[in-house]
Amino acid sequence: MSFSKRSLGQSLKYRWGVVGVIFAVAGLIWFANSTGIMRNTKDVQENLNVKIVCPRCEGEPGRKENCALCRGTGYLWVDKTKYLPGEIESVE
């Protein structure tokens, strides 16, 4: 029972290919678990942005069309952690 060099080489390539794929999948699973990608968390993050009336045009229809700050919407989105609670009047 003699094996030829070629068939032995092909089977080794196949085996090391399978081993490489197994290592790659195991590494991907480890990385996803360690970074938290695969964790099923039901924690809802609080939205830190608040919609406020534009301080330049104050949401007035005649002025807001030409307002460069809010681009004609009449309101802005701001990060509420950068302002004091008394300074923000949110718009719904």
N, C-alpha and C. Protein backbone atom coordinates (compact mmCIF):
# COMPACT_ATOMS: atom_id res chain seq x y z
N MET A 1 0.84 -1.16 0.00
CA MET A 1 0.00 0.00 0.00
C MET A 1 0.90 1.24 0.00
N SER A 2 1.10 1.73 -1.13
CA SER A 2 2.01 2.85 -1.30
C SER A 2 1.22 4.10 -1.67
N PHE A 3 1.52 5.19 -0.97
CA PHE A 3 0.86 6.46 -1.29
C PHE A 3 1.76 7.27 -2.20
N SER A 4 1.15 7.89 -3.14
CA SER A 4 1.96 8.77 -3.99
C SER A 4 2.11 10.13 -3.30
N LYS A 5 3.17 10.85 -3.65
CA LYS A 5 3.41 12.14 -3.03
C LYS A 5 2.30 13.13 -3.34
N ARG A 6 1.76 13.05 -4.51
CA ARG A 6 0.75 14.01 -4.92
C ARG A 6 -0.53 13.86 -4.11
N SER A 7 -1.02 12.66 -3.92
CA SER A 7 -2.27 12.46 -3.18
C SER A 7 -2.09 12.83 -1.71
N LEU A 8 -0.94 12.57 -1.16
CA LEU A 8 -0.67 12.92 0.23
C LEU A 8 -0.62 14.44 0.37
N GLY A 9 -0.03 15.13 -0.57
CA GLY A 9 0.05 16.58 -0.53
C GLY A 9 -1.33 17.22 -0.66
N GLN A 10 -2.17 16.71 -1.52
CA GLN A 10 -3.52 17.25 -1.70
C GLN A 10 -4.36 17.04 -0.44
N SER A 11 -4.24 15.88 0.19
CA SER A 11 -5.03 15.64 1.39
C SER A 11 -4.56 16.52 2.54
N LEU A 12 -3.24 16.77 2.62
CA LEU A 12 -2.74 17.66 3.67
C LEU A 12 -3.21 19.10 3.44
N LYS A 13 -3.22 19.53 2.19
CA LYS A 13 -3.72 20.87 1.88
C LYS A 13 -5.19 20.99 2.28
N TYR A 14 -5.97 19.98 1.98
CA TYR A 14 -7.38 19.98 2.33
C TYR A 14 -7.57 20.02 3.85
N ARG A 15 -6.83 19.19 4.56
CA ARG A 15 -6.95 19.15 6.02
C ARG A 15 -6.55 20.48 6.64
N TRP A 16 -5.42 21.06 6.19
CA TRP A 16 -4.99 22.35 6.76
C TRP A 16 -5.96 23.47 6.35
N GLY A 17 -6.59 23.34 5.22
CA GLY A 17 -7.62 24.31 4.84
C GLY A 17 -8.80 24.26 5.78
N VAL A 18 -9.24 23.05 6.12
CA VAL A 18 -10.35 22.88 7.06
C VAL A 18 -9.97 23.40 8.44
N VAL A 19 -8.75 23.09 8.88
CA VAL A 19 -8.28 23.58 10.17
C VAL A 19 -8.22 25.11 10.17
N GLY A 20 -7.76 25.70 9.08
CA GLY A 20 -7.71 27.16 8.97
C GLY A 20 -9.08 27.79 9.05
N VAL A 21 -10.06 27.19 8.39
CA VAL A 21 -11.43 27.70 8.44
C VAL A 21 -11.99 27.60 9.86
N ILE A 22 -11.71 26.50 10.53
CA ILE A 22 -12.19 26.33 11.90
C ILE A 22 -11.58 27.40 12.81
N PHE A 23 -10.26 27.65 12.66
CA PHE A 23 -9.62 28.69 13.45
C PHE A 23 -10.19 30.08 13.14
N ALA A 24 -10.46 30.35 11.87
CA ALA A 24 -11.02 31.64 11.49
C ALA A 24 -12.41 31.85 12.09
N VAL A 25 -13.26 30.84 12.04
CA VAL A 25 -14.61 30.95 12.61
C VAL A 25 -14.54 31.08 14.12
N ALA A 26 -13.67 30.31 14.77
CA ALA A 26 -13.52 30.40 16.22
C ALA A 26 -13.00 31.78 16.62
N GLY A 27 -12.06 32.33 15.87
CA GLY A 27 -11.55 33.67 16.15
C GLY A 27 -12.60 34.74 15.97
N LEU A 28 -13.44 34.60 14.95
CA LEU A 28 -14.52 35.55 14.72
C LEU A 28 -15.54 35.51 15.85
N ILE A 29 -15.88 34.32 16.31
CA ILE A 29 -16.83 34.18 17.42
C ILE A 29 -16.22 34.75 18.70
N TRP A 30 -14.96 34.49 18.95
CA TRP A 30 -14.30 35.05 20.13
C TRP A 30 -14.29 36.57 20.08
N PHE A 31 -13.95 37.14 18.93
CA PHE A 31 -13.90 38.59 18.78
C PHE A 31 -15.29 39.21 18.99
N ALA A 32 -16.31 38.60 18.41
CA ALA A 32 -17.67 39.13 18.55
C ALA A 32 -18.14 39.07 20.00
N ASN A 33 -17.81 38.02 20.70
CA ASN A 33 -18.20 37.92 22.11
C ASN A 33 -17.42 38.88 22.99
N SER A 34 -16.14 39.07 22.71
CA SER A 34 -15.32 39.94 23.56
C SER A 34 -15.64 41.41 23.35
N THR A 35 -16.08 41.80 22.15
CA THR A 35 -16.41 43.20 21.90
C THR A 35 -17.86 43.51 22.20
N GLY A 36 -18.69 42.52 22.40
CA GLY A 36 -20.08 42.76 22.75
C GLY A 36 -21.01 42.79 21.57
N ILE A 37 -20.56 42.41 20.40
CA ILE A 37 -21.42 42.44 19.22
C ILE A 37 -22.53 41.41 19.34
N MET A 38 -22.23 40.25 19.90
CA MET A 38 -23.23 39.18 19.95
C MET A 38 -24.06 39.18 21.23
N ARG A 39 -23.80 40.12 22.12
CA ARG A 39 -24.59 40.13 23.35
C ARG A 39 -25.98 40.66 23.08
N ASN A 40 -26.96 39.99 23.62
CA ASN A 40 -28.34 40.43 23.47
C ASN A 40 -28.71 41.31 24.65
N THR A 41 -28.48 42.60 24.51
CA THR A 41 -28.84 43.51 25.58
C THR A 41 -30.12 44.23 25.20
N LYS A 42 -30.95 44.40 26.17
CA LYS A 42 -32.21 45.09 25.95
C LYS A 42 -32.17 46.48 26.57
N ASP A 43 -30.96 46.95 26.87
CA ASP A 43 -30.81 48.28 27.43
C ASP A 43 -31.07 49.30 26.33
N VAL A 44 -31.95 50.21 26.61
CA VAL A 44 -32.26 51.27 25.65
C VAL A 44 -31.44 52.49 26.02
N GLN A 45 -30.70 53.00 25.09
CA GLN A 45 -29.89 54.17 25.36
C GLN A 45 -30.76 55.42 25.25
N GLU A 46 -30.50 56.35 26.16
CA GLU A 46 -31.26 57.58 26.16
C GLU A 46 -30.79 58.47 25.02
N ASN A 47 -31.74 59.09 24.33
CA ASN A 47 -31.40 60.03 23.27
C ASN A 47 -30.96 61.34 23.89
N LEU A 48 -29.73 61.75 23.64
CA LEU A 48 -29.18 62.96 24.23
C LEU A 48 -29.51 64.20 23.43
N ASN A 49 -30.12 64.06 22.26
CA ASN A 49 -30.44 65.20 21.43
C ASN A 49 -31.84 65.71 21.73
N VAL A 50 -31.97 67.04 21.72
CA VAL A 50 -33.25 67.69 22.00
C VAL A 50 -33.53 68.66 20.86
N LYS A 51 -34.77 68.71 20.44
CA LYS A 51 -35.19 69.62 19.38
C LYS A 51 -35.57 70.96 20.01
N ILE A 52 -34.88 72.06 19.60
CA ILE A 52 -35.16 73.39 20.15
C ILE A 52 -35.50 74.35 19.01
N VAL A 53 -36.16 75.44 19.37
CA VAL A 53 -36.48 76.48 18.41
C VAL A 53 -35.18 77.19 18.01
N CYS A 54 -35.06 77.51 16.75
CA CYS A 54 -33.86 78.17 16.25
C CYS A 54 -33.73 79.54 16.92
N PRO A 55 -32.57 79.83 17.53
CA PRO A 55 -32.41 81.11 18.22
C PRO A 55 -32.28 82.29 17.26
N ARG A 56 -31.95 82.06 16.02
CA ARG A 56 -31.78 83.16 15.07
C ARG A 56 -33.11 83.61 14.47
N CYS A 57 -33.89 82.69 13.92
CA CYS A 57 -35.16 83.07 13.28
C CYS A 57 -36.36 82.87 14.20
N GLU A 58 -36.15 82.17 15.30
CA GLU A 58 -37.19 81.88 16.29
C GLU A 58 -38.41 81.18 15.71
N GLY A 59 -38.23 80.48 14.61
CA GLY A 59 -39.29 79.69 14.01
C GLY A 59 -40.37 80.49 13.31
N GLU A 60 -40.15 81.78 13.10
CA GLU A 60 -41.13 82.61 12.43
C GLU A 60 -41.14 82.29 10.93
N PRO A 61 -42.32 82.12 10.34
CA PRO A 61 -42.39 81.69 8.94
C PRO A 61 -41.69 82.63 7.96
N GLY A 62 -41.75 83.92 8.16
CA GLY A 62 -41.12 84.85 7.23
C GLY A 62 -39.60 84.85 7.30
N ARG A 63 -39.05 84.58 8.47
CA ARG A 63 -37.60 84.63 8.67
C ARG A 63 -36.92 83.28 8.47
N LYS A 64 -37.64 82.19 8.70
CA LYS A 64 -36.98 80.89 8.68
C LYS A 64 -36.61 80.42 7.27
N GLU A 65 -37.27 80.94 6.23
CA GLU A 65 -36.89 80.52 4.87
C GLU A 65 -35.47 80.93 4.52
N ASN A 66 -35.01 82.07 5.03
CA ASN A 66 -33.68 82.56 4.71
C ASN A 66 -32.66 82.32 5.82
N CYS A 67 -33.02 81.57 6.85
CA CYS A 67 -32.12 81.35 7.97
C CYS A 67 -31.07 80.29 7.60
N ALA A 68 -29.80 80.66 7.74
CA ALA A 68 -28.72 79.74 7.41
C ALA A 68 -28.42 78.78 8.57
N LEU A 69 -28.85 79.12 9.77
CA LEU A 69 -28.55 78.28 10.92
C LEU A 69 -29.42 77.02 10.93
N CYS A 70 -30.71 77.18 10.73
CA CYS A 70 -31.61 76.02 10.76
C CYS A 70 -31.98 75.53 9.37
N ARG A 71 -31.54 76.24 8.35
CA ARG A 71 -31.80 75.90 6.94
C ARG A 71 -33.28 75.84 6.62
N GLY A 72 -34.03 76.73 7.20
CA GLY A 72 -35.44 76.86 6.88
C GLY A 72 -36.38 75.95 7.64
N THR A 73 -35.90 75.20 8.61
CA THR A 73 -36.79 74.30 9.36
C THR A 73 -37.42 74.99 10.57
N GLY A 74 -36.73 75.96 11.14
CA GLY A 74 -37.26 76.66 12.31
C GLY A 74 -36.85 76.02 13.64
N TYR A 75 -36.12 74.94 13.59
CA TYR A 75 -35.65 74.28 14.81
C TYR A 75 -34.26 73.69 14.60
N LEU A 76 -33.62 73.34 15.71
CA LEU A 76 -32.29 72.72 15.70
C LEU A 76 -32.30 71.53 16.64
N TRP A 77 -31.41 70.59 16.40
CA TRP A 77 -31.17 69.48 17.32
C TRP A 77 -29.88 69.78 18.07
N VAL A 78 -29.94 69.79 19.40
CA VAL A 78 -28.76 70.05 20.22
C VAL A 78 -28.56 68.94 21.24
N ASP A 79 -27.33 68.80 21.69
CA ASP A 79 -27.00 67.83 22.72
C ASP A 79 -27.34 68.43 24.08
N LYS A 80 -28.26 67.81 24.79
CA LYS A 80 -28.72 68.39 26.05
C LYS A 80 -27.69 68.29 27.17
N THR A 81 -26.64 67.51 26.99
CA THR A 81 -25.60 67.45 28.03
C THR A 81 -24.68 68.66 27.97
N LYS A 82 -24.71 69.42 26.88
CA LYS A 82 -23.84 70.58 26.75
C LYS A 82 -24.50 71.87 27.22
N TYR A 83 -25.76 71.81 27.59
CA TYR A 83 -26.49 72.99 28.04
C TYR A 83 -27.10 72.72 29.40
N LEU A 84 -27.36 73.76 30.14
CA LEU A 84 -28.03 73.61 31.43
C LEU A 84 -29.51 73.32 31.18
N PRO A 85 -30.16 72.58 32.06
CA PRO A 85 -31.57 72.23 31.83
C PRO A 85 -32.49 73.46 31.70
N GLY A 86 -32.17 74.56 32.36
CA GLY A 86 -33.01 75.74 32.26
C GLY A 86 -32.86 76.46 30.94
N GLU A 87 -31.79 76.20 30.19
CA GLU A 87 -31.55 76.88 28.93
C GLU A 87 -32.30 76.26 27.77
N ILE A 88 -32.77 75.04 27.92
CA ILE A 88 -33.37 74.32 26.80
C ILE A 88 -34.88 74.33 26.95
N GLU A 89 -35.55 74.78 25.90
CA GLU A 89 -36.98 74.66 25.78
C GLU A 89 -37.21 73.75 24.58
N SER A 90 -37.63 72.53 24.82
CA SER A 90 -37.76 71.58 23.72
C SER A 90 -39.03 71.81 22.95
N VAL A 91 -39.00 71.48 21.67
CA VAL A 91 -40.13 71.60 20.77
C VAL A 91 -40.60 70.19 20.47
N GLU A 92 -41.86 69.97 20.52
CA GLU A 92 -42.42 68.63 20.23
C GLU A 92 -42.95 68.57 18.83
